[in-house]
């Protein structure tokens, strides 16, 4: 019977552990509440992007933008610049 008696220090340690567990559970719930709208927005955005209509619209926009005379010229200049930068990095 006397083995069951706990010292004040042991009781304080147990109380601290219980409070830490409670705080951790509440913090986890709060984090989930805060993150939930962002998760929903991300999932909605991903589903919109992966839809065929959105993919077609993006491809059409890119083709119109980059296949004009100016667009082809700028694209070529960009590719040449990237190629030259890559060559410069390889020489180092």
PDB file of N, CA and C in Angstrom:
ATOM      1  N   UNK A   1       0.819  -1.190   0.000  1.00  0.00           N
ATOM      2  CA  UNK A   1       0.000   0.000   0.000  1.00  0.00           C
ATOM      3  C   UNK A   1       0.863   1.253   0.000  1.00  0.00           C
ATOM      4  N   UNK A   2       1.956   1.201   0.714  1.00  0.00           N
ATOM      5  CA  UNK A   2       2.816   2.368   0.788  1.00  0.00           C
ATOM      6  C   UNK A   2       3.582   2.576  -0.517  1.00  0.00           C
ATOM      7  N   UNK A   3       3.683   1.551  -1.351  1.00  0.00           N
ATOM      8  CA  UNK A   3       4.364   1.691  -2.635  1.00  0.00           C
ATOM      9  C   UNK A   3       3.577   2.589  -3.588  1.00  0.00           C
ATOM     10  N   UNK A   4       2.274   2.712  -3.380  1.00  0.00           N
ATOM     11  CA  UNK A   4       1.433   3.501  -4.263  1.00  0.00           C
ATOM     12  C   UNK A   4       1.524   4.991  -3.973  1.00  0.00           C
ATOM     13  N   UNK A   5       2.059   5.378  -2.836  1.00  0.00           N
ATOM     14  CA  UNK A   5       2.177   6.792  -2.513  1.00  0.00           C
ATOM     15  C   UNK A   5       3.236   7.419  -3.412  1.00  0.00           C
ATOM     16  N   UNK A   6       2.886   8.541  -3.990  1.00  0.00           N
ATOM     17  CA  UNK A   6       3.801   9.240  -4.879  1.00  0.00           C
ATOM     18  C   UNK A   6       4.309  10.496  -4.183  1.00  0.00           C
ATOM     19  N   UNK A   7       5.521  10.820  -4.455  1.00  0.00           N
ATOM     20  CA  UNK A   7       6.068  12.042  -3.879  1.00  0.00           C
ATOM     21  C   UNK A   7       5.503  13.234  -4.629  1.00  0.00           C
ATOM     22  N   UNK A   8       5.682  14.392  -4.038  1.00  0.00           N
ATOM     23  CA  UNK A   8       5.175  15.616  -4.650  1.00  0.00           C
ATOM     24  C   UNK A   8       5.866  15.866  -5.994  1.00  0.00           C
ATOM     25  N   UNK A   9       7.138  15.549  -6.066  1.00  0.00           N
ATOM     26  CA  UNK A   9       7.889  15.734  -7.303  1.00  0.00           C
ATOM     27  C   UNK A   9       7.336  14.845  -8.415  1.00  0.00           C
ATOM     28  N   UNK A  10       7.040  13.585  -8.095  1.00  0.00           N
ATOM     29  CA  UNK A  10       6.483  12.667  -9.096  1.00  0.00           C
ATOM     30  C   UNK A  10       5.105  13.127  -9.555  1.00  0.00           C
ATOM     31  N   UNK A  11       4.295  13.647  -8.615  1.00  0.00           N
ATOM     32  CA  UNK A  11       2.973  14.160  -8.986  1.00  0.00           C
ATOM     33  C   UNK A  11       3.100  15.360  -9.922  1.00  0.00           C
ATOM     34  N   UNK A  12       4.052  16.246  -9.636  1.00  0.00           N
ATOM     35  CA  UNK A  12       4.254  17.406 -10.503  1.00  0.00           C
ATOM     36  C   UNK A  12       4.730  16.983 -11.895  1.00  0.00           C
ATOM     37  N   UNK A  13       5.572  15.975 -11.953  1.00  0.00           N
ATOM     38  CA  UNK A  13       6.041  15.470 -13.250  1.00  0.00           C
ATOM     39  C   UNK A  13       4.874  14.889 -14.043  1.00  0.00           C
ATOM     40  N   UNK A  14       4.023  14.119 -13.376  1.00  0.00           N
ATOM     41  CA  UNK A  14       2.857  13.535 -14.054  1.00  0.00           C
ATOM     42  C   UNK A  14       1.912  14.630 -14.538  1.00  0.00           C
ATOM     43  N   UNK A  15       1.701  15.652 -13.702  1.00  0.00           N
ATOM     44  CA  UNK A  15       0.818  16.756 -14.076  1.00  0.00           C
ATOM     45  C   UNK A  15       1.405  17.504 -15.278  1.00  0.00           C
ATOM     46  N   UNK A  16       2.723  17.725 -15.263  1.00  0.00           N
ATOM     47  CA  UNK A  16       3.375  18.395 -16.388  1.00  0.00           C
ATOM     48  C   UNK A  16       3.241  17.602 -17.674  1.00  0.00           C
ATOM     49  N   UNK A  17       3.406  16.295 -17.577  1.00  0.00           N
ATOM     50  CA  UNK A  17       3.257  15.442 -18.765  1.00  0.00           C
ATOM     51  C   UNK A  17       1.837  15.503 -19.309  1.00  0.00           C
ATOM     52  N   UNK A  18       0.858  15.476 -18.406  1.00  0.00           N
ATOM     53  CA  UNK A  18      -0.544  15.546 -18.828  1.00  0.00           C
ATOM     54  C   UNK A  18      -0.834  16.886 -19.500  1.00  0.00           C
ATOM     55  N   UNK A  19      -0.325  17.968 -18.924  1.00  0.00           N
ATOM     56  CA  UNK A  19      -0.544  19.290 -19.519  1.00  0.00           C
ATOM     57  C   UNK A  19       0.140  19.408 -20.882  1.00  0.00           C
ATOM     58  N   UNK A  20       1.338  18.843 -21.010  1.00  0.00           N
ATOM     59  CA  UNK A  20       2.030  18.863 -22.300  1.00  0.00           C
ATOM     60  C   UNK A  20       1.245  18.101 -23.364  1.00  0.00           C
ATOM     61  N   UNK A  21       0.713  16.948 -22.990  1.00  0.00           N
ATOM     62  CA  UNK A  21      -0.079  16.157 -23.937  1.00  0.00           C
ATOM     63  C   UNK A  21      -1.333  16.920 -24.355  1.00  0.00           C
ATOM     64  N   UNK A  22      -1.981  17.577 -23.401  1.00  0.00           N
ATOM     65  CA  UNK A  22      -3.194  18.348 -23.699  1.00  0.00           C
ATOM     66  C   UNK A  22      -2.858  19.517 -24.619  1.00  0.00           C
ATOM     67  N   UNK A  23      -1.775  20.235 -24.308  1.00  0.00           N
ATOM     68  CA  UNK A  23      -1.366  21.373 -25.124  1.00  0.00           C
ATOM     69  C   UNK A  23      -1.021  20.931 -26.544  1.00  0.00           C
ATOM     70  N   UNK A  24      -0.330  19.803 -26.665  1.00  0.00           N
ATOM     71  CA  UNK A  24       0.043  19.290 -27.987  1.00  0.00           C
ATOM     72  C   UNK A  24      -1.201  18.950 -28.804  1.00  0.00           C
ATOM     73  N   UNK A  25      -2.195  18.332 -28.165  1.00  0.00           N
ATOM     74  CA  UNK A  25      -3.433  17.981 -28.863  1.00  0.00           C
ATOM     75  C   UNK A  25      -4.173  19.240 -29.319  1.00  0.00           C
ATOM     76  N   UNK A  26      -4.233  20.255 -28.453  1.00  0.00           N
ATOM     77  CA  UNK A  26      -4.916  21.500 -28.820  1.00  0.00           C
ATOM     78  C   UNK A  26      -4.172  22.226 -29.934  1.00  0.00           C
ATOM     79  N   UNK A  27      -2.849  22.213 -29.867  1.00  0.00           N
ATOM     80  CA  UNK A  27      -2.043  22.869 -30.895  1.00  0.00           C
ATOM     81  C   UNK A  27      -2.238  22.192 -32.244  1.00  0.00           C
ATOM     82  N   UNK A  28      -2.279  20.874 -32.239  1.00  0.00           N
ATOM     83  CA  UNK A  28      -2.471  20.132 -33.490  1.00  0.00           C
ATOM     84  C   UNK A  28      -3.823  20.474 -34.105  1.00  0.00           C
ATOM     85  N   UNK A  29      -4.859  20.567 -33.267  1.00  0.00           N
ATOM     86  CA  UNK A  29      -6.190  20.910 -33.766  1.00  0.00           C
ATOM     87  C   UNK A  29      -6.192  22.321 -34.350  1.00  0.00           C
ATOM     88  N   UNK A  30      -5.536  23.257 -33.658  1.00  0.00           N
ATOM     89  CA  UNK A  30      -5.480  24.633 -34.139  1.00  0.00           C
ATOM     90  C   UNK A  30      -4.735  24.716 -35.463  1.00  0.00           C
ATOM     91  N   UNK A  31      -3.622  24.012 -35.579  1.00  0.00           N
ATOM     92  CA  UNK A  31      -2.869  24.011 -36.837  1.00  0.00           C
ATOM     93  C   UNK A  31      -3.727  23.475 -37.973  1.00  0.00           C
ATOM     94  N   UNK A  32      -4.462  22.410 -37.708  1.00  0.00           N
ATOM     95  CA  UNK A  32      -5.332  21.842 -38.746  1.00  0.00           C
ATOM     96  C   UNK A  32      -6.414  22.836 -39.147  1.00  0.00           C
ATOM     97  N   UNK A  33      -6.976  23.560 -38.164  1.00  0.00           N
ATOM     98  CA  UNK A  33      -8.002  24.556 -38.466  1.00  0.00           C
ATOM     99  C   UNK A  33      -7.441  25.685 -39.325  1.00  0.00           C
ATOM    100  N   UNK A  34      -6.198  26.086 -39.057  1.00  0.00           N
ATOM    101  CA  UNK A  34      -5.587  27.174 -39.815  1.00  0.00           C
ATOM    102  C   UNK A  34      -5.238  26.727 -41.229  1.00  0.00           C
ATOM    103  N   UNK A  35      -4.743  25.516 -41.379  1.00  0.00           N
ATOM    104  CA  UNK A  35      -4.253  25.029 -42.670  1.00  0.00           C
ATOM    105  C   UNK A  35      -5.387  24.570 -43.592  1.00  0.00           C
ATOM    106  N   UNK A  36      -6.522  24.237 -43.042  1.00  0.00           N
ATOM    107  CA  UNK A  36      -7.626  23.666 -43.820  1.00  0.00           C
ATOM    108  C   UNK A  36      -8.021  24.520 -45.032  1.00  0.00           C
ATOM    109  N   UNK A  37      -8.237  25.848 -44.895  1.00  0.00           N
ATOM    110  CA  UNK A  37      -8.611  26.627 -46.091  1.00  0.00           C
ATOM    111  C   UNK A  37      -7.538  26.603 -47.173  1.00  0.00           C
ATOM    112  N   UNK A  38      -6.270  26.611 -46.773  1.00  0.00           N
ATOM    113  CA  UNK A  38      -5.194  26.571 -47.757  1.00  0.00           C
ATOM    114  C   UNK A  38      -5.165  25.235 -48.487  1.00  0.00           C
ATOM    115  N   UNK A  39      -5.422  24.151 -47.761  1.00  0.00           N
ATOM    116  CA  UNK A  39      -5.474  22.834 -48.398  1.00  0.00           C
ATOM    117  C   UNK A  39      -6.611  22.776 -49.414  1.00  0.00           C
ATOM    118  N   UNK A  40      -7.772  23.335 -49.036  1.00  0.00           N
ATOM    119  CA  UNK A  40      -8.912  23.329 -49.949  1.00  0.00           C
ATOM    120  C   UNK A  40      -8.611  24.146 -51.200  1.00  0.00           C
ATOM    121  N   UNK A  41      -7.994  25.312 -51.023  1.00  0.00           N
ATOM    122  CA  UNK A  41      -7.663  26.156 -52.173  1.00  0.00           C
ATOM    123  C   UNK A  41      -6.656  25.458 -53.085  1.00  0.00           C
ATOM    124  N   UNK A  42      -5.666  24.806 -52.488  1.00  0.00           N
ATOM    125  CA  UNK A  42      -4.660  24.095 -53.282  1.00  0.00           C
ATOM    126  C   UNK A  42      -5.304  22.949 -54.059  1.00  0.00           C
ATOM    127  N   UNK A  43      -6.166  22.184 -53.394  1.00  0.00           N
ATOM    128  CA  UNK A  43      -6.821  21.061 -54.073  1.00  0.00           C
ATOM    129  C   UNK A  43      -7.723  21.549 -55.196  1.00  0.00           C
ATOM    130  N   UNK A  44      -8.435  22.646 -54.960  1.00  0.00           N
ATOM    131  CA  UNK A  44      -9.296  23.207 -55.999  1.00  0.00           C
ATOM    132  C   UNK A  44      -8.455  23.684 -57.176  1.00  0.00           C
ATOM    133  N   UNK A  45      -7.357  24.368 -56.876  1.00  0.00           N
ATOM    134  CA  UNK A  45      -6.467  24.848 -57.933  1.00  0.00           C
ATOM    135  C   UNK A  45      -5.880  23.709 -58.742  1.00  0.00           C
ATOM    136  N   UNK A  46      -5.463  22.662 -58.051  1.00  0.00           N
ATOM    137  CA  UNK A  46      -4.891  21.511 -58.759  1.00  0.00           C
ATOM    138  C   UNK A  46      -5.923  20.831 -59.643  1.00  0.00           C
ATOM    139  N   UNK A  47      -7.157  20.738 -59.158  1.00  0.00           N
ATOM    140  CA  UNK A  47      -8.185  20.098 -59.979  1.00  0.00           C
ATOM    141  C   UNK A  47      -8.530  20.962 -61.188  1.00  0.00           C
ATOM    142  N   UNK A  48      -8.479  22.293 -61.020  1.00  0.00           N
ATOM    143  CA  UNK A  48      -8.739  23.172 -62.164  1.00  0.00           C
ATOM    144  C   UNK A  48      -7.617  23.084 -63.192  1.00  0.00           C
ATOM    145  N   UNK A  49      -6.390  23.028 -62.707  1.00  0.00           N
ATOM    146  CA  UNK A  49      -5.247  22.972 -63.620  1.00  0.00           C
ATOM    147  C   UNK A  49      -5.218  21.655 -64.385  1.00  0.00           C
ATOM    148  N   UNK A  50      -5.597  20.585 -63.715  1.00  0.00           N
ATOM    149  CA  UNK A  50      -5.517  19.278 -64.368  1.00  0.00           C
ATOM    150  C   UNK A  50      -6.697  19.009 -65.300  1.00  0.00           C
ATOM    151  N   UNK A  51      -7.666  19.912 -65.338  1.00  0.00           N
ATOM    152  CA  UNK A  51      -8.804  19.684 -66.225  1.00  0.00           C
ATOM    153  C   UNK A  51      -8.381  19.918 -67.677  1.00  0.00           C
ATOM    154  N   UNK A  52      -8.964  19.181 -68.606  1.00  0.00           N
ATOM    155  CA  UNK A  52      -8.594  19.323 -70.021  1.00  0.00           C
ATOM    156  C   UNK A  52      -8.879  20.714 -70.578  1.00  0.00           C
ATOM    157  N   UNK A  53      -9.930  21.360 -70.099  1.00  0.00           N
ATOM    158  CA  UNK A  53     -10.278  22.691 -70.601  1.00  0.00           C
ATOM    159  C   UNK A  53      -9.175  23.679 -70.248  1.00  0.00           C
ATOM    160  N   UNK A  54      -8.710  23.633 -69.009  1.00  0.00           N
ATOM    161  CA  UNK A  54      -7.653  24.549 -68.580  1.00  0.00           C
ATOM    162  C   UNK A  54      -6.358  24.273 -69.332  1.00  0.00           C
ATOM    163  N   UNK A  55      -6.037  23.011 -69.507  1.00  0.00           N
ATOM    164  CA  UNK A  55      -4.815  22.654 -70.236  1.00  0.00           C
ATOM    165  C   UNK A  55      -4.877  23.166 -71.670  1.00  0.00           C
ATOM    166  N   UNK A  56      -6.018  23.006 -72.306  1.00  0.00           N
ATOM    167  CA  UNK A  56      -6.194  23.484 -73.676  1.00  0.00           C
ATOM    168  C   UNK A  56      -6.073  24.998 -73.735  1.00  0.00           C
ATOM    169  N   UNK A  57      -6.685  25.689 -72.780  1.00  0.00           N
ATOM    170  CA  UNK A  57      -6.623  27.148 -72.764  1.00  0.00           C
ATOM    171  C   UNK A  57      -5.189  27.637 -72.570  1.00  0.00           C
ATOM    172  N   UNK A  58      -4.453  27.007 -71.686  1.00  0.00           N
ATOM    173  CA  UNK A  58      -3.060  27.407 -71.449  1.00  0.00           C
ATOM    174  C   UNK A  58      -2.215  27.145 -72.686  1.00  0.00           C
ATOM    175  N   UNK A  59      -2.392  25.993 -73.306  1.00  0.00           N
ATOM    176  CA  UNK A  59      -1.629  25.690 -74.520  1.00  0.00           C
ATOM    177  C   UNK A  59      -1.958  26.671 -75.641  1.00  0.00           C
ATOM    178  N   UNK A  60      -3.234  27.001 -75.777  1.00  0.00           N
ATOM    179  CA  UNK A  60      -3.640  27.944 -76.816  1.00  0.00           C
ATOM    180  C   UNK A  60      -3.014  29.311 -76.571  1.00  0.00           C
ATOM    181  N   UNK A  61      -3.025  29.755 -75.325  1.00  0.00           N
ATOM    182  CA  UNK A  61      -2.425  31.040 -74.975  1.00  0.00           C
ATOM    183  C   UNK A  61      -0.926  31.037 -75.269  1.00  0.00           C
ATOM    184  N   UNK A  62      -0.253  29.956 -74.875  1.00  0.00           N
ATOM    185  CA  UNK A  62       1.193  29.860 -75.092  1.00  0.00           C
ATOM    186  C   UNK A  62       1.506  29.867 -76.591  1.00  0.00           C
ATOM    187  N   UNK A  63       0.722  29.134 -77.363  1.00  0.00           N
ATOM    188  CA  UNK A  63       0.963  29.089 -78.803  1.00  0.00           C
ATOM    189  C   UNK A  63       0.762  30.462 -79.430  1.00  0.00           C
ATOM    190  N   UNK A  64      -0.305  31.154 -79.028  1.00  0.00           N
ATOM    191  CA  UNK A  64      -0.553  32.489 -79.569  1.00  0.00           C
ATOM    192  C   UNK A  64       0.561  33.447 -79.168  1.00  0.00           C
ATOM    193  N   UNK A  65       1.010  33.328 -77.935  1.00  0.00           N
ATOM    194  CA  UNK A  65       2.009  34.256 -77.414  1.00  0.00           C
ATOM    195  C   UNK A  65       3.390  34.009 -78.012  1.00  0.00           C
ATOM    196  N   UNK A  66       3.790  32.762 -78.118  1.00  0.00           N
ATOM    197  CA  UNK A  66       5.158  32.452 -78.496  1.00  0.00           C
ATOM    198  C   UNK A  66       5.355  32.182 -79.985  1.00  0.00           C
ATOM    199  N   UNK A  67       4.299  31.925 -80.718  1.00  0.00           N
ATOM    200  CA  UNK A  67       4.467  31.630 -82.138  1.00  0.00           C
ATOM    201  C   UNK A  67       4.264  32.846 -83.026  1.00  0.00           C
ATOM    202  N   UNK A  68       4.096  34.008 -82.424  1.00  0.00           N
ATOM    203  CA  UNK A  68       4.118  35.228 -83.224  1.00  0.00           C
ATOM    204  C   UNK A  68       5.574  35.532 -83.545  1.00  0.00           C
ATOM    205  N   UNK A  69       5.808  36.433 -84.468  1.00  0.00           N
ATOM    206  CA  UNK A  69       7.175  36.758 -84.876  1.00  0.00           C
ATOM    207  C   UNK A  69       7.994  37.248 -83.692  1.00  0.00           C
ATOM    208  N   UNK A  70       7.412  38.146 -82.907  1.00  0.00           N
ATOM    209  CA  UNK A  70       8.119  38.645 -81.729  1.00  0.00           C
ATOM    210  C   UNK A  70       8.361  37.519 -80.733  1.00  0.00           C
ATOM    211  N   UNK A  71       7.345  36.722 -80.517  1.00  0.00           N
ATOM    212  CA  UNK A  71       7.455  35.642 -79.541  1.00  0.00           C
ATOM    213  C   UNK A  71       8.532  34.644 -79.907  1.00  0.00           C
ATOM    214  N   UNK A  72       8.613  34.306 -81.204  1.00  0.00           N
ATOM    215  CA  UNK A  72       9.636  33.358 -81.656  1.00  0.00           C
ATOM    216  C   UNK A  72      11.018  33.968 -81.461  1.00  0.00           C
ATOM    217  N   UNK A  73      11.135  35.243 -81.784  1.00  0.00           N
ATOM    218  CA  UNK A  73      12.428  35.920 -81.613  1.00  0.00           C
ATOM    219  C   UNK A  73      12.861  35.953 -80.164  1.00  0.00           C
ATOM    220  N   UNK A  74      11.947  36.319 -79.286  1.00  0.00           N
ATOM    221  CA  UNK A  74      12.285  36.362 -77.858  1.00  0.00           C
ATOM    222  C   UNK A  74      12.571  34.969 -77.312  1.00  0.00           C
ATOM    223  N   UNK A  75      11.811  33.992 -77.774  1.00  0.00           N
ATOM    224  CA  UNK A  75      12.060  32.619 -77.329  1.00  0.00           C
ATOM    225  C   UNK A  75      13.439  32.156 -77.774  1.00  0.00           C
ATOM    226  N   UNK A  76      13.796  32.466 -79.011  1.00  0.00           N
ATOM    227  CA  UNK A  76      15.115  32.080 -79.520  1.00  0.00           C
ATOM    228  C   UNK A  76      16.218  32.786 -78.733  1.00  0.00           C
ATOM    229  N   UNK A  77      16.032  34.085 -78.463  1.00  0.00           N
ATOM    230  CA  UNK A  77      17.026  34.811 -77.674  1.00  0.00           C
ATOM    231  C   UNK A  77      17.164  34.217 -76.275  1.00  0.00           C
ATOM    232  N   UNK A  78      16.049  33.851 -75.683  1.00  0.00           N
ATOM    233  CA  UNK A  78      16.081  33.241 -74.354  1.00  0.00           C
ATOM    234  C   UNK A  78      16.813  31.914 -74.362  1.00  0.00           C
ATOM    235  N   UNK A  79      16.544  31.094 -75.377  1.00  0.00           N
ATOM    236  CA  UNK A  79      17.227  29.802 -75.478  1.00  0.00           C
ATOM    237  C   UNK A  79      18.722  29.971 -75.704  1.00  0.00           C
ATOM    238  N   UNK A  80      19.096  30.943 -76.539  1.00  0.00           N
ATOM    239  CA  UNK A  80      20.520  31.200 -76.779  1.00  0.00           C
ATOM    240  C   UNK A  80      21.189  31.670 -75.496  1.00  0.00           C
ATOM    241  N   UNK A  81      20.515  32.553 -74.754  1.00  0.00           N
ATOM    242  CA  UNK A  81      21.081  33.045 -73.493  1.00  0.00           C
ATOM    243  C   UNK A  81      21.266  31.901 -72.500  1.00  0.00           C
ATOM    244  N   UNK A  82      20.271  31.039 -72.405  1.00  0.00           N
ATOM    245  CA  UNK A  82      20.402  29.891 -71.499  1.00  0.00           C
ATOM    246  C   UNK A  82      21.535  28.967 -71.932  1.00  0.00           C
ATOM    247  N   UNK A  83      21.648  28.747 -73.234  1.00  0.00           N
ATOM    248  CA  UNK A  83      22.720  27.895 -73.750  1.00  0.00           C
ATOM    249  C   UNK A  83      24.091  28.483 -73.424  1.00  0.00           C
ATOM    250  N   UNK A  84      24.235  29.798 -73.619  1.00  0.00           N
ATOM    251  CA  UNK A  84      25.519  30.443 -73.338  1.00  0.00           C
ATOM    252  C   UNK A  84      25.841  30.423 -71.850  1.00  0.00           C
ATOM    253  N   UNK A  85      24.838  30.615 -71.011  1.00  0.00           N
ATOM    254  CA  UNK A  85      25.066  30.536 -69.566  1.00  0.00           C
ATOM    255  C   UNK A  85      25.500  29.139 -69.159  1.00  0.00           C
ATOM    256  N   UNK A  86      24.883  28.145 -69.753  1.00  0.00           N
ATOM    257  CA  UNK A  86      25.245  26.756 -69.452  1.00  0.00           C
ATOM    258  C   UNK A  86      26.684  26.482 -69.891  1.00  0.00           C
ATOM    259  N   UNK A  87      27.056  26.986 -71.066  1.00  0.00           N
ATOM    260  CA  UNK A  87      28.427  26.810 -71.558  1.00  0.00           C
ATOM    261  C   UNK A  87      29.425  27.477 -70.612  1.00  0.00           C
ATOM    262  N   UNK A  88      29.074  28.667 -70.137  1.00  0.00           N
ATOM    263  CA  UNK A  88      29.958  29.403 -69.228  1.00  0.00           C
ATOM    264  C   UNK A  88      30.131  28.645 -67.913  1.00  0.00           C
ATOM    265  N   UNK A  89      29.047  28.054 -67.420  1.00  0.00           N
ATOM    266  CA  UNK A  89      29.125  27.297 -66.168  1.00  0.00           C
ATOM    267  C   UNK A  89      29.945  26.025 -66.352  1.00  0.00           C
ATOM    268  N   UNK A  90      29.849  25.392 -67.496  1.00  0.00           N
ATOM    269  CA  UNK A  90      30.600  24.158 -67.755  1.00  0.00           C
ATOM    270  C   UNK A  90      32.101  24.426 -67.848  1.00  0.00           C
ATOM    271  N   UNK A  91      32.487  25.612 -68.284  1.00  0.00           N
ATOM    272  CA  UNK A  91      33.908  25.942 -68.416  1.00  0.00           C
ATOM    273  C   UNK A  91      34.570  26.130 -67.057  1.00  0.00           C
ATOM    274  N   UNK A  92      33.814  26.494 -66.050  1.00  0.00           N
ATOM    275  CA  UNK A  92      34.375  26.742 -64.714  1.00  0.00           C
ATOM    276  C   UNK A  92      34.784  25.502 -64.070  1.00  0.00           C
TER     277      UNK A  92
END
